[in-house]
Amino acid sequence: MLQVIGASSIDELIQQTIPSDIFSVVVQPRPAQSEVEFLTKLGRSAHKNTLNKSYIGMGYYGWILQRHITYDWNQP
């Protein structure tokens, strides 16, 4: 596959594909936390969620609705 693309190695393929300014970004990982700390933060985030009703699949069809129109025949 590398021969077809014209790259001599995977590293060269990556250099050809990914812009060089992305490689210059230094990512600093966050300090490690214990499982208990993580689960506590996760629980706090989970309590912010709201439960909403989903109406997907409850009788909606992509049809054009035809409404019944009543006409008063006694009117001119």
C-alpha atoms as a PDB file:
ATOM      1  CA  MET A   1       0.000   0.000   0.000  1.00  0.00           C
ATOM      2  CA  LEU A   2       2.839   2.396   0.787  1.00  0.00           C
ATOM      3  CA  GLN A   3       4.310   1.840  -2.682  1.00  0.00           C
ATOM      4  CA  VAL A   4       1.007   2.727  -4.320  1.00  0.00           C
ATOM      5  CA  ILE A   5       0.756   5.921  -2.266  1.00  0.00           C
ATOM      6  CA  GLY A   6       4.395   6.799  -2.863  1.00  0.00           C
ATOM      7  CA  ALA A   7       5.641   6.713   0.725  1.00  0.00           C
ATOM      8  CA  SER A   8       8.652   4.719   1.865  1.00  0.00           C
ATOM      9  CA  SER A   9       7.425   4.183   5.443  1.00  0.00           C
ATOM     10  CA  ILE A  10       4.454   4.740   7.694  1.00  0.00           C
ATOM     11  CA  ASP A  11       6.267   7.689   9.312  1.00  0.00           C
ATOM     12  CA  GLU A  12       6.640   9.344   5.910  1.00  0.00           C
ATOM     13  CA  LEU A  13       2.965   8.685   5.161  1.00  0.00           C
ATOM     14  CA  ILE A  14       1.994  10.347   8.448  1.00  0.00           C
ATOM     15  CA  GLN A  15       4.203  13.352   7.678  1.00  0.00           C
ATOM     16  CA  GLN A  16       2.589  13.675   4.242  1.00  0.00           C
ATOM     17  CA  THR A  17      -0.924  13.349   5.626  1.00  0.00           C
ATOM     18  CA  ILE A  18      -0.979  15.344   8.870  1.00  0.00           C
ATOM     19  CA  PRO A  19      -0.114  19.062   8.740  1.00  0.00           C
ATOM     20  CA  SER A  20       3.151  19.971  10.451  1.00  0.00           C
ATOM     21  CA  ASP A  21       1.538  22.539  12.765  1.00  0.00           C
ATOM     22  CA  ILE A  22      -0.397  19.729  14.472  1.00  0.00           C
ATOM     23  CA  PHE A  23       2.867  17.987  15.376  1.00  0.00           C
ATOM     24  CA  SER A  24       4.130  21.135  17.090  1.00  0.00           C
ATOM     25  CA  VAL A  25       1.270  21.099  19.633  1.00  0.00           C
ATOM     26  CA  VAL A  26       2.411  19.748  22.998  1.00  0.00           C
ATOM     27  CA  VAL A  27      -0.298  18.006  24.964  1.00  0.00           C
ATOM     28  CA  GLN A  28       0.083  18.005  28.716  1.00  0.00           C
ATOM     29  CA  PRO A  29      -1.789  15.103  30.291  1.00  0.00           C
ATOM     30  CA  ARG A  30      -3.838  15.744  33.390  1.00  0.00           C
ATOM     31  CA  PRO A  31      -2.549  14.385  36.665  1.00  0.00           C
ATOM     32  CA  ALA A  32      -3.717  10.865  37.451  1.00  0.00           C
ATOM     33  CA  GLN A  33      -6.700  10.407  39.732  1.00  0.00           C
ATOM     34  CA  SER A  34      -7.910   7.438  41.691  1.00  0.00           C
ATOM     35  CA  GLU A  35     -10.919   5.371  40.697  1.00  0.00           C
ATOM     36  CA  VAL A  36     -12.895   6.774  43.627  1.00  0.00           C
ATOM     37  CA  GLU A  37     -12.156  10.368  42.565  1.00  0.00           C
ATOM     38  CA  PHE A  38     -13.134   9.578  38.987  1.00  0.00           C
ATOM     39  CA  LEU A  39     -16.400   7.894  39.979  1.00  0.00           C
ATOM     40  CA  THR A  40     -17.245  10.821  42.272  1.00  0.00           C
ATOM     41  CA  LYS A  41     -16.770  13.332  39.437  1.00  0.00           C
ATOM     42  CA  LEU A  42     -18.672  11.078  37.056  1.00  0.00           C
ATOM     43  CA  GLY A  43     -21.564  10.851  39.509  1.00  0.00           C
ATOM     44  CA  ARG A  44     -21.702  14.649  39.846  1.00  0.00           C
ATOM     45  CA  SER A  45     -21.799  15.005  36.061  1.00  0.00           C
ATOM     46  CA  ALA A  46     -24.474  12.326  35.736  1.00  0.00           C
ATOM     47  CA  HIS A  47     -26.784  14.202  38.121  1.00  0.00           C
ATOM     48  CA  LYS A  48     -26.766  17.168  35.716  1.00  0.00           C
ATOM     49  CA  ASN A  49     -28.438  15.060  33.012  1.00  0.00           C
ATOM     50  CA  THR A  50     -32.148  15.469  32.411  1.00  0.00           C
ATOM     51  CA  LEU A  51     -34.528  12.732  31.364  1.00  0.00           C
ATOM     52  CA  ASN A  52     -36.546  13.622  28.289  1.00  0.00           C
ATOM     53  CA  LYS A  53     -39.214  11.724  26.444  1.00  0.00           C
ATOM     54  CA  SER A  54     -38.367  10.443  23.014  1.00  0.00           C
ATOM     55  CA  TYR A  55     -41.147  10.465  20.479  1.00  0.00           C
ATOM     56  CA  ILE A  56     -39.154   8.703  17.805  1.00  0.00           C
ATOM     57  CA  GLY A  57     -41.094   5.816  16.327  1.00  0.00           C
ATOM     58  CA  MET A  58     -44.363   6.778  17.992  1.00  0.00           C
ATOM     59  CA  GLY A  59     -46.584   7.026  14.945  1.00  0.00           C
ATOM     60  CA  TYR A  60     -44.898   9.706  12.860  1.00  0.00           C
ATOM     61  CA  TYR A  61     -44.763   8.860   9.209  1.00  0.00           C
ATOM     62  CA  GLY A  62     -43.391  11.018   6.444  1.00  0.00           C
ATOM     63  CA  TRP A  63     -46.778  11.317   4.804  1.00  0.00           C
ATOM     64  CA  ILE A  64     -48.660  14.434   3.847  1.00  0.00           C
ATOM     65  CA  LEU A  65     -51.539  14.935   6.234  1.00  0.00           C
ATOM     66  CA  GLN A  66     -54.943  15.293   4.690  1.00  0.00           C
ATOM     67  CA  ARG A  67     -57.282  17.291   6.863  1.00  0.00           C
ATOM     68  CA  HIS A  68     -61.018  17.011   6.583  1.00  0.00           C
ATOM     69  CA  ILE A  69     -62.462  20.314   5.458  1.00  0.00           C
ATOM     70  CA  THR A  70     -66.072  20.940   6.265  1.00  0.00           C
ATOM     71  CA  TYR A  71     -68.057  23.156   3.980  1.00  0.00           C
ATOM     72  CA  ASP A  72     -71.311  24.759   4.883  1.00  0.00           C
ATOM     73  CA  TRP A  73     -73.449  24.300   1.788  1.00  0.00           C
ATOM     74  CA  ASN A  74     -76.031  26.817   3.082  1.00  0.00           C
ATOM     75  CA  GLN A  75     -73.612  29.737   2.776  1.00  0.00           C
ATOM     76  CA  PRO A  76     -73.515  31.616  -0.546  1.00  0.00           C
END
